[in-house]
Structures are given as structure tokens and as C-alpha cells.
Amino acid sequence: AQWVKNMSQGRLSIQVYGANELVPAFESFEAVRQGTAQMSHGAAYYWAGKVPAGQFFSTVPFGMNTQQMNAWLIAGGGMKLWEDLYAPFNLIPFAAGNTGMQMGGWFNKMINSISDIQGLKMRIPGLGSKVINKAGGSGLATPGAEIYTNLERGVIDATEWIGPYHDYLKGFHKIAKYYYYPGWHEPGTVLELAVNKTAFEGLPADLQDIIRAGAARLNAQILAEFDAKNGEYLAKLINENHVNLLKFPDDVLATFKKYSEEVIEELISSNADAAKIYTSYTNFRKQISAWEDITTHAYNEALKG
């Protein structure tokens, strides 16, 4: 908000409200659509009930990572598909942040096999929630402000949030025993700025460009801050708080991947928008993955010696 005010020399001001101040946490999409607010910041998987296909513009279990998502949206045709999807809702989407690779979550029992997910109540949004359901658990999209209390009181048995920095600030290490990785369900979650189309088009062209520039700056800024802080707070969790850091067993990850493919197939077979978007998503991923195999992945292998 301050960036926009500065860039516009005070011509455009944004009044920021937190979750539940103006509208409940998961109702901001509808609030902006109706014009109660002119914009909101969130993630597309929270509105899956209204726009199921929108989940491809937040994150996909075992899907594209942050770098790949940014490339698809900015230069691979993804942004146009997102704009087309939101147009009937009188909304214009912008990529305005990315969490980077997330952690797998906090648990109060060890996950030694997929059977340990049976009966587990876990806070996890988006398509990852449906994967947990397939594994015999219950995936719940609990608002961020309610997670700690729900985990502490046993309303949920496990939770994922973001990464070491934000998880530490939430205090999950005080009430959960095991911290699992990798974040198979959110390999690079895009945060969205959704703007009311009527309000946006009512602005002069230069102020529209300032909003675009602000979103682009935020997209880079959030990722940089998360990456910088996560390394610092991972060390703090391990060295000062003695958190039990564990990797999901390979067979558990393989089963999660299998269920993820089933969840995606169910979505695209029942939703024409999802099928169209996923075709673009998968085609782009194949191309960029071939490039990364001989660059990023080869480099990482070389580092191992």
C-alpha cells in the first residue's frame, strides 16, 4: 500500500484490512467481486468452491515449483488463462507473491506409512486436502488465525502452514512433536492480488500501471523474504528448539503422488476450464523441465560431488 501511495505521489491510497476485519478470511474473493472491497490478497485455492480451476494458479501437489510457475504465468501463457477464468467474476488477477517450497507439516505422531494418515485430521488447503482425504484422513482448510488453537485443543491432529519462518512465528514447535518435509502439496504457492475489474478500469492508465508494478514488486519481495528467513529460522528450530525434523518415507510420498494424480484427473474430467488450463500447465512443465534437467538439476548433482 505504501509503495502504491509513493509511486502515485498520493493520488492512489489503499486502506488495508486484515482477515475478519472487513469480511471473514475466506470471503474476500466474493467481497471484491461485489465491490465491497476493491482488491484482496490471498491464494486461489481458498476459492476452490467458486472457481475449481483456479487452484492451478495457486499450487498443485507434485506440480511446478516457484521458478516454473513464474515463468508459466509471466511468459508461458498462464496469466492470460487466469485472467480469462476470473473475467466472469468481474475480477483481474495478478501474481503478487510466492511462498517458495513449503514444509510438509507438523504432526504429533510419526508418519511411518500411509496407514498413519488414516483418521488424521489435518489443516491443509487446496488439492492437497483431497489427497489427505484419499489417504483416509480429513483435510481441513482452517483459517490461519485459528490453526494454533485448533491444534493445541486437538480439533486437528496436524497442520501445514508455510515454512520455518512463519511456522516459528505461529509457535507450532511448542505444541507439535514432528516437523516433516518436503512440502509435496505446495511446491511453490502463488499469492494473488485480485482486483475488482470495474474499479481497475476506472483508474487512469498510469495508476493501473502502478498497481501492476506494485504486484510485480511484491511477487519478488515476498519470495526473497521467505527464502532469506526460512534458512535462519530452520536453524533456530533445530538448534535452539530441538525440533524433530523428519523426511516423509519414500513410499508415503509415492502414495501421495499417486493420489494427487487421481485428484487432478477427477478435477479436469469434470471441469472444462480446469482441463484447458491443465493442458497448458502440463505442456509448459514438460518444456521447462527438460531445460532444468540439464541446468539446475545437473548443477545440483555436481555440487554433491
Protein backbone atom coordinates (compact mmCIF):
# COMPACT_ATOMS: atom_id res chain seq x y z
CA ALA A 1 0.00 0.00 0.00
CA GLN A 2 2.84 2.39 0.82
CA TRP A 3 4.59 1.62 -2.47
CA VAL A 4 1.45 2.49 -4.42
CA LYS A 5 0.97 5.70 -2.48
CA ASN A 6 4.58 6.72 -3.06
CA MET A 7 4.64 5.82 -6.76
CA SER A 8 1.39 7.66 -7.38
CA GLN A 9 2.53 10.66 -5.29
CA GLY A 10 -0.53 10.24 -3.12
CA ARG A 11 -3.07 10.00 -5.94
CA LEU A 12 -3.93 6.40 -5.07
CA SER A 13 -4.25 5.15 -1.50
CA ILE A 14 -5.04 1.64 -0.30
CA GLN A 15 -6.65 1.03 3.10
CA VAL A 16 -5.54 -2.40 4.31
CA TYR A 17 -7.79 -4.65 6.42
CA GLY A 18 -6.73 -7.94 7.98
CA ALA A 19 -8.73 -11.16 7.84
CA ASN A 20 -12.09 -10.83 9.63
CA GLU A 21 -11.83 -7.04 9.92
CA LEU A 22 -13.86 -6.18 6.83
CA VAL A 23 -15.05 -9.65 5.82
CA PRO A 24 -14.31 -13.22 7.03
CA ALA A 25 -11.00 -14.68 5.86
CA PHE A 26 -12.39 -16.88 3.09
CA GLU A 27 -14.92 -14.36 1.77
CA SER A 28 -12.56 -11.78 0.31
CA PHE A 29 -12.97 -13.13 -3.24
CA GLU A 30 -16.71 -12.53 -3.09
CA ALA A 31 -16.24 -9.16 -1.37
CA VAL A 32 -14.07 -7.90 -4.21
CA ARG A 33 -16.38 -9.37 -6.84
CA GLN A 34 -19.30 -7.48 -5.34
CA GLY A 35 -17.32 -4.27 -4.84
CA THR A 36 -17.38 -4.30 -1.03
CA ALA A 37 -13.60 -4.05 -1.37
CA GLN A 38 -11.64 -3.11 -4.48
CA MET A 39 -8.87 -5.68 -4.06
CA SER A 40 -7.76 -8.61 -1.92
CA HIS A 41 -4.57 -10.58 -1.31
CA GLY A 42 -4.84 -14.33 -0.87
CA ALA A 43 -4.41 -17.62 -2.73
CA ALA A 44 -6.66 -19.07 -5.41
CA TYR A 45 -7.14 -22.43 -3.70
CA TYR A 46 -9.18 -20.73 -0.98
CA TRP A 47 -11.95 -20.03 -3.53
CA ALA A 48 -11.97 -23.54 -4.99
CA GLY A 49 -15.67 -23.87 -4.21
CA LYS A 50 -16.41 -20.96 -6.56
CA VAL A 51 -13.61 -21.42 -9.11
CA PRO A 52 -12.27 -25.01 -9.00
CA ALA A 53 -9.93 -24.42 -11.94
CA GLY A 54 -8.33 -21.51 -10.11
CA GLN A 55 -6.34 -23.94 -7.99
CA PHE A 56 -3.86 -24.34 -10.85
CA PHE A 57 -2.92 -20.70 -10.29
CA SER A 58 -2.01 -21.26 -6.63
CA THR A 59 -0.26 -24.62 -6.41
CA VAL A 60 -0.59 -28.25 -7.43
CA PRO A 61 0.66 -31.21 -5.37
CA PHE A 62 3.86 -32.50 -7.02
CA GLY A 63 3.43 -29.69 -9.55
CA MET A 64 5.57 -26.84 -10.77
CA ASN A 65 7.94 -25.07 -8.42
CA THR A 66 8.20 -21.32 -7.90
CA GLN A 67 10.54 -20.59 -10.79
CA GLN A 68 8.44 -22.68 -13.16
CA MET A 69 5.17 -21.09 -12.02
CA ASN A 70 6.52 -17.58 -12.50
CA ALA A 71 7.79 -18.50 -15.97
CA TRP A 72 4.44 -20.02 -16.97
CA LEU A 73 2.41 -17.08 -15.69
CA ILE A 74 4.62 -14.28 -16.98
CA ALA A 75 5.94 -15.71 -20.25
CA GLY A 76 4.20 -19.03 -20.90
CA GLY A 77 0.56 -18.07 -21.39
CA GLY A 78 -0.63 -18.84 -17.88
CA MET A 79 -1.58 -15.27 -16.99
CA LYS A 80 -3.99 -14.94 -19.92
CA LEU A 81 -5.75 -18.14 -18.86
CA TRP A 82 -6.02 -16.82 -15.31
CA GLU A 83 -7.45 -13.52 -16.50
CA ASP A 84 -10.00 -15.32 -18.68
CA LEU A 85 -11.02 -17.54 -15.76
CA TYR A 86 -11.64 -14.59 -13.43
CA ALA A 87 -13.31 -12.33 -16.02
CA PRO A 88 -16.86 -13.66 -15.40
CA PHE A 89 -16.42 -12.68 -11.74
CA ASN A 90 -15.51 -9.09 -12.65
CA LEU A 91 -12.01 -9.66 -11.28
CA ILE A 92 -8.49 -9.16 -12.60
CA PRO A 93 -5.82 -11.40 -11.03
CA PHE A 94 -2.16 -10.56 -10.52
CA ALA A 95 0.65 -12.75 -9.21
CA ALA A 96 1.66 -10.90 -6.04
CA GLY A 97 3.93 -13.16 -4.03
CA ASN A 98 5.13 -16.73 -3.82
CA THR A 99 5.85 -18.77 -0.72
CA GLY A 100 8.53 -20.85 -2.39
CA MET A 101 8.81 -24.52 -1.50
CA GLN A 102 6.91 -25.23 1.69
CA MET A 103 7.37 -27.72 4.51
CA GLY A 104 5.32 -30.89 4.85
CA GLY A 105 3.71 -30.01 8.16
CA TRP A 106 3.62 -30.51 11.92
CA PHE A 107 2.46 -33.81 13.43
CA ASN A 108 2.11 -35.28 16.90
CA LYS A 109 2.82 -38.79 15.71
CA MET A 110 5.40 -40.18 13.32
CA ILE A 111 4.31 -40.91 9.76
CA ASN A 112 5.96 -44.25 9.07
CA SER A 113 3.49 -45.49 6.46
CA ILE A 114 0.43 -44.27 4.61
CA SER A 115 -1.73 -46.05 7.18
CA ASP A 116 -0.67 -43.40 9.71
CA ILE A 117 -2.77 -40.90 7.77
CA GLN A 118 -5.92 -42.93 8.48
CA GLY A 119 -8.26 -40.90 10.68
CA LEU A 120 -5.83 -37.96 10.84
CA LYS A 121 -7.46 -34.52 10.92
CA MET A 122 -5.06 -32.15 9.17
CA ARG A 123 -5.24 -28.47 8.33
CA ILE A 124 -4.29 -28.40 4.64
CA PRO A 125 -5.95 -26.38 1.84
CA GLY A 126 -6.40 -26.89 -1.87
CA LEU A 127 -5.88 -30.08 -3.82
CA GLY A 128 -3.58 -31.36 -1.06
CA SER A 129 -6.63 -31.58 1.18
CA LYS A 130 -8.28 -34.01 -1.24
CA VAL A 131 -5.12 -36.12 -1.27
CA ILE A 132 -5.25 -36.44 2.51
CA ASN A 133 -8.91 -37.44 2.20
CA LYS A 134 -7.99 -40.18 -0.28
CA ALA A 135 -5.39 -41.45 2.18
CA GLY A 136 -8.10 -41.88 4.82
CA GLY A 137 -7.60 -38.63 6.69
CA SER A 138 -9.63 -35.43 6.84
CA GLY A 139 -8.18 -32.38 5.12
CA LEU A 140 -9.46 -29.08 6.53
CA ALA A 141 -8.92 -25.54 5.20
CA THR A 142 -8.70 -23.86 8.60
CA PRO A 143 -8.07 -20.06 8.51
CA GLY A 144 -4.56 -19.15 9.62
CA ALA A 145 -5.68 -17.33 12.77
CA GLU A 146 -7.41 -20.46 14.09
CA ILE A 147 -4.72 -23.08 13.45
CA TYR A 148 -2.70 -22.84 16.67
CA THR A 149 -5.73 -23.04 18.95
CA ASN A 150 -7.25 -25.90 16.97
CA LEU A 151 -4.00 -27.88 17.06
CA GLU A 152 -3.47 -27.19 20.75
CA ARG A 153 -7.00 -28.31 21.64
CA GLY A 154 -6.97 -31.38 19.43
CA VAL A 155 -9.57 -30.11 16.98
CA ILE A 156 -6.95 -31.02 14.38
CA ASP A 157 -4.13 -33.54 14.73
CA ALA A 158 -1.68 -31.98 12.29
CA THR A 159 -1.16 -28.86 10.24
CA GLU A 160 0.89 -27.38 7.47
CA TRP A 161 1.36 -23.64 7.16
CA ILE A 162 4.25 -22.28 5.12
CA GLY A 163 7.88 -22.76 6.17
CA PRO A 164 10.23 -22.43 9.16
CA TYR A 165 9.95 -18.65 9.48
CA HIS A 166 6.16 -18.35 9.58
CA ASP A 167 5.73 -21.66 11.38
CA TYR A 168 8.05 -20.43 14.13
CA LEU A 169 6.09 -17.21 14.48
CA LYS A 170 2.91 -19.27 14.84
CA GLY A 171 4.58 -21.27 17.62
CA PHE A 172 3.77 -24.71 16.22
CA HIS A 173 7.04 -26.08 17.62
CA LYS A 174 5.57 -25.62 21.11
CA ILE A 175 2.62 -27.96 20.54
CA ALA A 176 3.71 -30.44 17.85
CA LYS A 177 6.49 -33.03 18.04
CA TYR A 178 7.48 -33.73 14.45
CA TYR A 179 8.24 -31.40 11.55
CA TYR A 180 8.09 -33.16 8.19
CA TYR A 181 9.48 -32.36 4.75
CA PRO A 182 9.19 -31.96 1.79
CA GLY A 183 6.06 -29.90 1.14
CA TRP A 184 4.77 -32.22 -1.59
CA HIS A 185 1.42 -30.43 -1.56
CA GLU A 186 2.73 -26.87 -2.11
CA PRO A 187 5.94 -26.77 -4.16
CA GLY A 188 5.65 -23.05 -4.93
CA THR A 189 2.40 -21.37 -3.97
CA VAL A 190 1.41 -18.25 -5.88
CA LEU A 191 -0.25 -15.50 -3.85
CA GLU A 192 -2.77 -13.46 -5.77
CA LEU A 193 -3.88 -9.87 -5.87
CA ALA A 194 -7.49 -9.92 -7.10
CA VAL A 195 -8.76 -6.51 -8.21
CA ASN A 196 -12.33 -5.51 -9.00
CA LYS A 197 -12.35 -5.08 -12.79
CA THR A 198 -14.78 -2.17 -12.79
CA ALA A 199 -12.74 -0.29 -10.20
CA PHE A 200 -9.47 -1.03 -12.01
CA GLU A 201 -10.73 0.09 -15.39
CA GLY A 202 -12.00 3.29 -13.79
CA LEU A 203 -8.43 4.31 -12.97
CA PRO A 204 -6.20 6.34 -15.32
CA ALA A 205 -3.70 4.25 -17.29
CA ASP A 206 -0.74 5.38 -15.19
CA LEU A 207 -2.40 4.29 -11.94
CA GLN A 208 -3.28 0.94 -13.50
CA ASP A 209 0.39 0.51 -14.34
CA ILE A 210 1.35 1.41 -10.78
CA ILE A 211 -0.86 -1.41 -9.47
CA ARG A 212 0.74 -3.79 -11.97
CA ALA A 213 4.21 -2.65 -10.91
CA GLY A 214 3.34 -2.95 -7.23
CA ALA A 215 2.10 -6.51 -7.70
CA ALA A 216 5.25 -7.46 -9.63
CA ARG A 217 7.47 -5.96 -6.95
CA LEU A 218 5.53 -7.78 -4.23
CA ASN A 219 5.86 -11.02 -6.18
CA ALA A 220 9.64 -10.79 -5.98
CA GLN A 221 9.82 -9.25 -2.49
CA ILE A 222 7.75 -11.90 -0.71
CA LEU A 223 9.71 -14.78 -2.21
CA ALA A 224 13.04 -13.18 -1.34
CA GLU A 225 11.98 -12.51 2.25
CA PHE A 226 10.59 -16.01 2.74
CA ASP A 227 13.74 -17.63 1.34
CA ALA A 228 16.03 -15.44 3.43
CA LYS A 229 14.13 -16.02 6.66
CA ASN A 230 13.45 -19.74 6.23
CA GLY A 231 17.11 -20.70 6.39
CA GLU A 232 17.61 -18.60 9.50
CA TYR A 233 14.56 -19.98 11.29
CA LEU A 234 15.17 -23.58 10.29
CA ALA A 235 18.47 -23.37 12.17
CA LYS A 236 16.69 -21.79 15.13
CA LEU A 237 14.06 -24.53 15.25
CA ILE A 238 16.67 -27.28 15.12
CA ASN A 239 19.46 -25.82 17.26
CA GLU A 240 17.51 -23.84 19.85
CA ASN A 241 14.15 -25.61 19.98
CA HIS A 242 15.39 -29.12 19.17
CA VAL A 243 12.58 -29.83 16.73
CA ASN A 244 12.41 -33.36 15.31
CA LEU A 245 12.97 -32.76 11.59
CA LEU A 246 11.90 -35.78 9.54
CA LYS A 247 11.51 -36.68 5.87
CA PHE A 248 8.35 -38.41 4.74
CA PRO A 249 9.16 -42.03 3.86
CA ASP A 250 9.57 -42.64 0.13
CA ASP A 251 6.58 -44.98 -0.03
CA VAL A 252 4.37 -42.36 1.65
CA LEU A 253 5.46 -39.74 -0.88
CA ALA A 254 4.85 -42.20 -3.72
CA THR A 255 1.32 -42.82 -2.46
CA PHE A 256 0.67 -39.10 -2.05
CA LYS A 257 1.83 -38.64 -5.66
CA LYS A 258 -0.48 -41.39 -6.89
CA TYR A 259 -3.45 -39.87 -5.07
CA SER A 260 -2.51 -36.42 -6.36
CA GLU A 261 -2.70 -37.65 -9.93
CA GLU A 262 -6.13 -39.13 -9.21
CA VAL A 263 -7.35 -35.88 -7.65
CA ILE A 264 -6.19 -33.85 -10.64
CA GLU A 265 -7.76 -36.30 -13.09
CA GLU A 266 -11.08 -36.04 -11.25
CA LEU A 267 -10.93 -32.25 -11.46
CA ILE A 268 -10.06 -31.95 -15.14
CA SER A 269 -12.57 -34.63 -16.16
CA SER A 270 -15.39 -32.70 -14.51
CA ASN A 271 -14.43 -29.10 -15.32
CA ALA A 272 -13.76 -27.81 -18.84
CA ASP A 273 -11.84 -24.75 -17.61
CA ALA A 274 -9.60 -26.95 -15.49
CA ALA A 275 -8.93 -29.26 -18.44
CA LYS A 276 -7.95 -26.35 -20.69
CA ILE A 277 -5.69 -24.78 -18.07
CA TYR A 278 -4.07 -28.08 -17.13
CA THR A 279 -3.20 -28.77 -20.77
CA SER A 280 -1.25 -25.51 -20.87
CA TYR A 281 0.22 -26.23 -17.43
CA THR A 282 1.50 -29.70 -18.32
CA ASN A 283 2.81 -28.74 -21.76
CA PHE A 284 4.78 -25.88 -20.28
CA ARG A 285 6.08 -28.04 -17.47
CA LYS A 286 7.43 -30.63 -19.91
CA GLN A 287 9.35 -27.97 -21.81
CA ILE A 288 10.83 -26.19 -18.83
CA SER A 289 11.63 -29.46 -17.02
CA ALA A 290 13.72 -30.64 -19.98
CA TRP A 291 15.70 -27.40 -19.73
CA GLU A 292 16.09 -27.66 -15.96
CA ASP A 293 17.29 -31.26 -16.21
CA ILE A 294 20.46 -30.12 -17.97
CA THR A 295 20.89 -26.94 -15.94
CA THR A 296 19.51 -26.65 -12.40
CA HIS A 297 19.28 -30.37 -11.68
CA ALA A 298 22.63 -31.15 -13.29
CA TYR A 299 24.24 -28.35 -11.30
CA ASN A 300 22.75 -29.61 -8.03
CA GLU A 301 24.09 -33.09 -8.78
CA ALA A 302 27.51 -31.62 -9.49
CA LEU A 303 27.50 -29.87 -6.13
CA LYS A 304 27.12 -33.21 -4.41
CA GLY A 305 30.49 -34.22 -5.80
